[in-house]
């Protein structure tokens, strides 16, 4: 179960980050101002990626579940 959860968290943060980055590109400099509602979503998605565990940690969890503990890079 932890592999599926880690994969979902990893992909959700990557895809949402890619989507909001694209939106911010469309908005240009206006996207970073307080008047633009997208900047709040940008900050929320960025904090979600950090608070829920970094992508690297999620990748370690997935690879540990797939390959076994003997293949992880640290002990």
PDB file of N, CA and C in Angstrom:
ATOM      1  N   UNK A   1       0.815  -1.194   0.000  1.00  0.00           N
ATOM      2  CA  UNK A   1       0.000   0.000   0.000  1.00  0.00           C
ATOM      3  C   UNK A   1       0.862   1.263   0.000  1.00  0.00           C
ATOM      4  N   UNK A   2       1.996   1.248   0.693  1.00  0.00           N
ATOM      5  CA  UNK A   2       2.809   2.460   0.752  1.00  0.00           C
ATOM      6  C   UNK A   2       3.375   2.823  -0.622  1.00  0.00           C
ATOM      7  N   UNK A   3       3.596   1.811  -1.473  1.00  0.00           N
ATOM      8  CA  UNK A   3       4.090   2.097  -2.824  1.00  0.00           C
ATOM      9  C   UNK A   3       3.050   2.874  -3.611  1.00  0.00           C
ATOM     10  N   UNK A   4       1.809   2.460  -3.538  1.00  0.00           N
ATOM     11  CA  UNK A   4       0.740   3.150  -4.268  1.00  0.00           C
ATOM     12  C   UNK A   4       0.539   4.567  -3.746  1.00  0.00           C
ATOM     13  N   UNK A   5       0.606   4.737  -2.445  1.00  0.00           N
ATOM     14  CA  UNK A   5       0.452   6.071  -1.859  1.00  0.00           C
ATOM     15  C   UNK A   5       1.604   6.968  -2.271  1.00  0.00           C
ATOM     16  N   UNK A   6       2.827   6.453  -2.199  1.00  0.00           N
ATOM     17  CA  UNK A   6       3.994   7.246  -2.586  1.00  0.00           C
ATOM     18  C   UNK A   6       3.931   7.622  -4.060  1.00  0.00           C
ATOM     19  N   UNK A   7       3.497   6.689  -4.907  1.00  0.00           N
ATOM     20  CA  UNK A   7       3.384   6.988  -6.333  1.00  0.00           C
ATOM     21  C   UNK A   7       2.325   8.052  -6.584  1.00  0.00           C
ATOM     22  N   UNK A   8       1.196   7.944  -5.899  1.00  0.00           N
ATOM     23  CA  UNK A   8       0.130   8.938  -6.071  1.00  0.00           C
ATOM     24  C   UNK A   8       0.590  10.316  -5.621  1.00  0.00           C
ATOM     25  N   UNK A   9       1.272  10.389  -4.480  1.00  0.00           N
ATOM     26  CA  UNK A   9       1.756  11.678  -3.987  1.00  0.00           C
ATOM     27  C   UNK A   9       2.809  12.267  -4.923  1.00  0.00           C
ATOM     28  N   UNK A  10       3.683  11.411  -5.425  1.00  0.00           N
ATOM     29  CA  UNK A  10       4.743  11.873  -6.311  1.00  0.00           C
ATOM     30  C   UNK A  10       4.165  12.404  -7.623  1.00  0.00           C
ATOM     31  N   UNK A  11       3.279  11.637  -8.246  1.00  0.00           N
ATOM     32  CA  UNK A  11       2.708  12.065  -9.514  1.00  0.00           C
ATOM     33  C   UNK A  11       1.781  13.259  -9.353  1.00  0.00           C
ATOM     34  N   UNK A  12       1.014  13.298  -8.268  1.00  0.00           N
ATOM     35  CA  UNK A  12       0.116  14.437  -8.043  1.00  0.00           C
ATOM     36  C   UNK A  12       0.901  15.727  -7.894  1.00  0.00           C
ATOM     37  N   UNK A  13       1.991  15.673  -7.148  1.00  0.00           N
ATOM     38  CA  UNK A  13       2.773  16.899  -6.978  1.00  0.00           C
ATOM     39  C   UNK A  13       3.484  17.289  -8.274  1.00  0.00           C
ATOM     40  N   UNK A  14       3.982  16.315  -9.025  1.00  0.00           N
ATOM     41  CA  UNK A  14       4.656  16.634 -10.289  1.00  0.00           C
ATOM     42  C   UNK A  14       3.678  17.211 -11.310  1.00  0.00           C
ATOM     43  N   UNK A  15       2.512  16.591 -11.450  1.00  0.00           N
ATOM     44  CA  UNK A  15       1.541  17.039 -12.451  1.00  0.00           C
ATOM     45  C   UNK A  15       0.931  18.381 -12.083  1.00  0.00           C
ATOM     46  N   UNK A  16       0.596  18.557 -10.806  1.00  0.00           N
ATOM     47  CA  UNK A  16       0.019  19.847 -10.400  1.00  0.00           C
ATOM     48  C   UNK A  16       1.052  20.950 -10.517  1.00  0.00           C
ATOM     49  N   UNK A  17       2.300  20.645 -10.211  1.00  0.00           N
ATOM     50  CA  UNK A  17       3.365  21.636 -10.359  1.00  0.00           C
ATOM     51  C   UNK A  17       3.557  22.008 -11.827  1.00  0.00           C
ATOM     52  N   UNK A  18       3.528  21.027 -12.706  1.00  0.00           N
ATOM     53  CA  UNK A  18       3.668  21.311 -14.136  1.00  0.00           C
ATOM     54  C   UNK A  18       2.497  22.145 -14.644  1.00  0.00           C
ATOM     55  N   UNK A  19       1.294  21.839 -14.176  1.00  0.00           N
ATOM     56  CA  UNK A  19       0.110  22.583 -14.620  1.00  0.00           C
ATOM     57  C   UNK A  19       0.152  24.031 -14.154  1.00  0.00           C
ATOM     58  N   UNK A  20       0.482  24.258 -12.887  1.00  0.00           N
ATOM     59  CA  UNK A  20       0.489  25.637 -12.388  1.00  0.00           C
ATOM     60  C   UNK A  20       1.662  26.416 -12.970  1.00  0.00           C
ATOM     61  N   UNK A  21       2.770  25.750 -13.258  1.00  0.00           N
ATOM     62  CA  UNK A  21       3.879  26.439 -13.927  1.00  0.00           C
ATOM     63  C   UNK A  21       3.461  26.923 -15.311  1.00  0.00           C
ATOM     64  N   UNK A  22       2.697  26.095 -16.012  1.00  0.00           N
ATOM     65  CA  UNK A  22       2.195  26.492 -17.334  1.00  0.00           C
ATOM     66  C   UNK A  22       1.251  27.687 -17.217  1.00  0.00           C
ATOM     67  N   UNK A  23       0.371  27.658 -16.218  1.00  0.00           N
ATOM     68  CA  UNK A  23      -0.551  28.780 -15.999  1.00  0.00           C
ATOM     69  C   UNK A  23       0.223  30.051 -15.683  1.00  0.00           C
ATOM     70  N   UNK A  24       1.248  29.926 -14.851  1.00  0.00           N
ATOM     71  CA  UNK A  24       2.041  31.106 -14.494  1.00  0.00           C
ATOM     72  C   UNK A  24       2.783  31.645 -15.718  1.00  0.00           C
ATOM     73  N   UNK A  25       3.191  30.783 -16.616  1.00  0.00           N
ATOM     74  CA  UNK A  25       3.822  31.236 -17.856  1.00  0.00           C
ATOM     75  C   UNK A  25       2.831  32.027 -18.698  1.00  0.00           C
ATOM     76  N   UNK A  26       1.591  31.551 -18.760  1.00  0.00           N
ATOM     77  CA  UNK A  26       0.564  32.264 -19.530  1.00  0.00           C
ATOM     78  C   UNK A  26       0.302  33.639 -18.934  1.00  0.00           C
ATOM     79  N   UNK A  27       0.286  33.709 -17.608  1.00  0.00           N
ATOM     80  CA  UNK A  27      -0.024  34.970 -16.933  1.00  0.00           C
ATOM     81  C   UNK A  27       1.113  35.981 -17.049  1.00  0.00           C
ATOM     82  N   UNK A  28       2.324  35.490 -17.168  1.00  0.00           N
ATOM     83  CA  UNK A  28       3.468  36.394 -17.215  1.00  0.00           C
ATOM     84  C   UNK A  28       3.715  37.010 -15.845  1.00  0.00           C
ATOM     85  N   UNK A  29       4.197  38.231 -15.820  1.00  0.00           N
ATOM     86  CA  UNK A  29       4.509  38.908 -14.558  1.00  0.00           C
ATOM     87  C   UNK A  29       3.260  39.118 -13.710  1.00  0.00           C
ATOM     88  N   UNK A  30       2.093  39.269 -14.341  1.00  0.00           N
ATOM     89  CA  UNK A  30       0.853  39.453 -13.592  1.00  0.00           C
ATOM     90  C   UNK A  30       0.556  38.247 -12.705  1.00  0.00           C
ATOM     91  N   UNK A  31       0.988  37.076 -13.111  1.00  0.00           N
ATOM     92  CA  UNK A  31       0.729  35.866 -12.338  1.00  0.00           C
ATOM     93  C   UNK A  31       1.346  35.874 -10.957  1.00  0.00           C
ATOM     94  N   UNK A  32       2.372  36.687 -10.752  1.00  0.00           N
ATOM     95  CA  UNK A  32       3.044  36.742  -9.462  1.00  0.00           C
ATOM     96  C   UNK A  32       2.509  37.841  -8.555  1.00  0.00           C
ATOM     97  N   UNK A  33       1.561  38.620  -9.019  1.00  0.00           N
ATOM     98  CA  UNK A  33       1.016  39.703  -8.203  1.00  0.00           C
ATOM     99  C   UNK A  33      -0.123  39.192  -7.333  1.00  0.00           C
ATOM    100  N   UNK A  34      -0.438  39.939  -6.286  1.00  0.00           N
ATOM    101  CA  UNK A  34      -1.520  39.556  -5.369  1.00  0.00           C
ATOM    102  C   UNK A  34      -2.892  39.667  -6.026  1.00  0.00           C
ATOM    103  N   UNK A  35      -3.009  40.448  -7.090  1.00  0.00           N
ATOM    104  CA  UNK A  35      -4.296  40.600  -7.771  1.00  0.00           C
ATOM    105  C   UNK A  35      -4.688  39.355  -8.565  1.00  0.00           C
ATOM    106  N   UNK A  36      -3.729  38.549  -8.899  1.00  0.00           N
ATOM    107  CA  UNK A  36      -3.986  37.341  -9.691  1.00  0.00           C
ATOM    108  C   UNK A  36      -4.315  36.171  -8.759  1.00  0.00           C
ATOM    109  N   UNK A  37      -5.464  35.536  -8.935  1.00  0.00           N
ATOM    110  CA  UNK A  37      -5.810  34.409  -8.047  1.00  0.00           C
ATOM    111  C   UNK A  37      -4.914  33.183  -8.249  1.00  0.00           C
ATOM    112  N   UNK A  38      -4.241  33.116  -9.371  1.00  0.00           N
ATOM    113  CA  UNK A  38      -3.394  31.953  -9.637  1.00  0.00           C
ATOM    114  C   UNK A  38      -2.163  31.906  -8.743  1.00  0.00           C
ATOM    115  N   UNK A  39      -1.714  33.058  -8.240  1.00  0.00           N
ATOM    116  CA  UNK A  39      -0.524  33.059  -7.396  1.00  0.00           C
ATOM    117  C   UNK A  39      -0.783  32.326  -6.087  1.00  0.00           C
ATOM    118  N   UNK A  40      -2.015  32.381  -5.577  1.00  0.00           N
ATOM    119  CA  UNK A  40      -2.348  31.632  -4.356  1.00  0.00           C
ATOM    120  C   UNK A  40      -2.297  30.131  -4.627  1.00  0.00           C
ATOM    121  N   UNK A  41      -2.784  29.718  -5.779  1.00  0.00           N
ATOM    122  CA  UNK A  41      -2.720  28.299  -6.148  1.00  0.00           C
ATOM    123  C   UNK A  41      -1.274  27.868  -6.329  1.00  0.00           C
ATOM    124  N   UNK A  42      -0.458  28.736  -6.914  1.00  0.00           N
ATOM    125  CA  UNK A  42       0.961  28.435  -7.113  1.00  0.00           C
ATOM    126  C   UNK A  42       1.650  28.202  -5.774  1.00  0.00           C
ATOM    127  N   UNK A  43       1.401  29.075  -4.804  1.00  0.00           N
ATOM    128  CA  UNK A  43       2.009  28.914  -3.479  1.00  0.00           C
ATOM    129  C   UNK A  43       1.489  27.662  -2.785  1.00  0.00           C
ATOM    130  N   UNK A  44       0.204  27.378  -2.919  1.00  0.00           N
ATOM    131  CA  UNK A  44      -0.376  26.196  -2.269  1.00  0.00           C
ATOM    132  C   UNK A  44       0.209  24.910  -2.846  1.00  0.00           C
ATOM    133  N   UNK A  45       0.338  24.857  -4.151  1.00  0.00           N
ATOM    134  CA  UNK A  45       0.876  23.655  -4.793  1.00  0.00           C
ATOM    135  C   UNK A  45       2.346  23.475  -4.452  1.00  0.00           C
ATOM    136  N   UNK A  46       3.095  24.571  -4.410  1.00  0.00           N
ATOM    137  CA  UNK A  46       4.510  24.478  -4.037  1.00  0.00           C
ATOM    138  C   UNK A  46       4.663  23.964  -2.608  1.00  0.00           C
ATOM    139  N   UNK A  47       3.830  24.465  -1.697  1.00  0.00           N
ATOM    140  CA  UNK A  47       3.926  24.006  -0.310  1.00  0.00           C
ATOM    141  C   UNK A  47       3.463  22.554  -0.184  1.00  0.00           C
ATOM    142  N   UNK A  48       2.508  22.139  -0.992  1.00  0.00           N
ATOM    143  CA  UNK A  48       2.059  20.748  -0.981  1.00  0.00           C
ATOM    144  C   UNK A  48       3.207  19.814  -1.363  1.00  0.00           C
ATOM    145  N   UNK A  49       3.991  20.212  -2.333  1.00  0.00           N
ATOM    146  CA  UNK A  49       5.107  19.377  -2.777  1.00  0.00           C
ATOM    147  C   UNK A  49       6.153  19.224  -1.674  1.00  0.00           C
ATOM    148  N   UNK A  50       6.333  20.240  -0.861  1.00  0.00           N
ATOM    149  CA  UNK A  50       7.331  20.162   0.212  1.00  0.00           C
ATOM    150  C   UNK A  50       6.768  19.502   1.462  1.00  0.00           C
ATOM    151  N   UNK A  51       5.542  19.836   1.826  1.00  0.00           N
ATOM    152  CA  UNK A  51       4.971  19.352   3.089  1.00  0.00           C
ATOM    153  C   UNK A  51       4.666  17.861   3.054  1.00  0.00           C
ATOM    154  N   UNK A  52       4.295  17.344   1.924  1.00  0.00           N
ATOM    155  CA  UNK A  52       3.908  15.941   1.829  1.00  0.00           C
ATOM    156  C   UNK A  52       5.099  15.010   1.626  1.00  0.00           C
ATOM    157  N   UNK A  53       6.290  15.532   1.650  1.00  0.00           N
ATOM    158  CA  UNK A  53       7.478  14.723   1.410  1.00  0.00           C
ATOM    159  C   UNK A  53       8.023  15.019   0.030  1.00  0.00           C
ATOM    160  N   UNK A  54       9.321  15.144  -0.049  1.00  0.00           N
ATOM    161  CA  UNK A  54       9.906  15.520  -1.331  1.00  0.00           C
ATOM    162  C   UNK A  54       9.769  14.388  -2.350  1.00  0.00           C
ATOM    163  N   UNK A  55       9.910  14.763  -3.616  1.00  0.00           N
ATOM    164  CA  UNK A  55       9.815  13.759  -4.679  1.00  0.00           C
ATOM    165  C   UNK A  55      10.898  12.701  -4.527  1.00  0.00           C
ATOM    166  N   UNK A  56      12.061  13.107  -4.032  1.00  0.00           N
ATOM    167  CA  UNK A  56      13.151  12.155  -3.862  1.00  0.00           C
ATOM    168  C   UNK A  56      12.798  11.089  -2.828  1.00  0.00           C
ATOM    169  N   UNK A  57      12.161  11.508  -1.741  1.00  0.00           N
ATOM    170  CA  UNK A  57      11.761  10.545  -0.714  1.00  0.00           C
ATOM    171  C   UNK A  57      10.702   9.599  -1.261  1.00  0.00           C
ATOM    172  N   UNK A  58       9.758  10.133  -2.022  1.00  0.00           N
ATOM    173  CA  UNK A  58       8.727   9.277  -2.609  1.00  0.00           C
ATOM    174  C   UNK A  58       9.349   8.284  -3.582  1.00  0.00           C
ATOM    175  N   UNK A  59      10.350   8.708  -4.321  1.00  0.00           N
ATOM    176  CA  UNK A  59      11.032   7.797  -5.255  1.00  0.00           C
ATOM    177  C   UNK A  59      11.774   6.696  -4.506  1.00  0.00           C
ATOM    178  N   UNK A  60      12.378   7.045  -3.364  1.00  0.00           N
ATOM    179  CA  UNK A  60      13.057   6.033  -2.552  1.00  0.00           C
ATOM    180  C   UNK A  60      12.052   5.008  -2.041  1.00  0.00           C
ATOM    181  N   UNK A  61      10.888   5.471  -1.600  1.00  0.00           N
ATOM    182  CA  UNK A  61       9.863   4.550  -1.097  1.00  0.00           C
ATOM    183  C   UNK A  61       9.401   3.606  -2.202  1.00  0.00           C
ATOM    184  N   UNK A  62       9.141   4.153  -3.385  1.00  0.00           N
ATOM    185  CA  UNK A  62       8.685   3.322  -4.505  1.00  0.00           C
ATOM    186  C   UNK A  62       9.766   2.329  -4.908  1.00  0.00           C
ATOM    187  N   UNK A  63      11.007   2.786  -5.041  1.00  0.00           N
ATOM    188  CA  UNK A  63      12.077   1.878  -5.458  1.00  0.00           C
ATOM    189  C   UNK A  63      12.355   0.823  -4.397  1.00  0.00           C
ATOM    190  N   UNK A  64      12.240   1.184  -3.120  1.00  0.00           N
ATOM    191  CA  UNK A  64      12.427   0.196  -2.057  1.00  0.00           C
ATOM    192  C   UNK A  64      11.363  -0.893  -2.139  1.00  0.00           C
ATOM    193  N   UNK A  65      10.128  -0.494  -2.432  1.00  0.00           N
ATOM    194  CA  UNK A  65       9.050  -1.480  -2.546  1.00  0.00           C
ATOM    195  C   UNK A  65       9.222  -2.356  -3.791  1.00  0.00           C
ATOM    196  N   UNK A  66       9.730  -1.775  -4.866  1.00  0.00           N
ATOM    197  CA  UNK A  66       9.891  -2.543  -6.105  1.00  0.00           C
ATOM    198  C   UNK A  66      11.123  -3.441  -6.087  1.00  0.00           C
ATOM    199  N   UNK A  67      12.257  -2.896  -5.601  1.00  0.00           N
ATOM    200  CA  UNK A  67      13.524  -3.613  -5.698  1.00  0.00           C
ATOM    201  C   UNK A  67      13.940  -4.327  -4.420  1.00  0.00           C
ATOM    202  N   UNK A  68      13.455  -3.866  -3.293  1.00  0.00           N
ATOM    203  CA  UNK A  68      13.853  -4.450  -2.018  1.00  0.00           C
ATOM    204  C   UNK A  68      14.796  -3.525  -1.266  1.00  0.00           C
ATOM    205  N   UNK A  69      14.880  -3.741   0.027  1.00  0.00           N
ATOM    206  CA  UNK A  69      15.675  -2.859   0.885  1.00  0.00           C
ATOM    207  C   UNK A  69      17.168  -2.924   0.595  1.00  0.00           C
ATOM    208  N   UNK A  70      17.644  -4.046   0.078  1.00  0.00           N
ATOM    209  CA  UNK A  70      19.085  -4.176  -0.164  1.00  0.00           C
ATOM    210  C   UNK A  70      19.580  -3.278  -1.299  1.00  0.00           C
ATOM    211  N   UNK A  71      18.671  -2.699  -2.081  1.00  0.00           N
ATOM    212  CA  UNK A  71      19.076  -1.861  -3.201  1.00  0.00           C
ATOM    213  C   UNK A  71      18.982  -0.367  -2.920  1.00  0.00           C
ATOM    214  N   UNK A  72      18.569   0.031  -1.726  1.00  0.00           N
ATOM    215  CA  UNK A  72      18.497   1.462  -1.441  1.00  0.00           C
ATOM    216  C   UNK A  72      19.895   1.990  -1.181  1.00  0.00           C
ATOM    217  N   UNK A  73      20.092   3.278  -1.420  1.00  0.00           N
ATOM    218  CA  UNK A  73      21.434   3.849  -1.412  1.00  0.00           C
ATOM    219  C   UNK A  73      21.962   4.163  -0.024  1.00  0.00           C
ATOM    220  N   UNK A  74      21.165   4.041   0.990  1.00  0.00           N
ATOM    221  CA  UNK A  74      21.631   4.311   2.352  1.00  0.00           C
ATOM    222  C   UNK A  74      21.126   3.216   3.284  1.00  0.00           C
ATOM    223  N   UNK A  75      21.762   3.088   4.402  1.00  0.00           N
ATOM    224  CA  UNK A  75      21.364   2.055   5.379  1.00  0.00           C
ATOM    225  C   UNK A  75      20.926   2.703   6.665  1.00  0.00           C
TER     226      UNK A  75
END
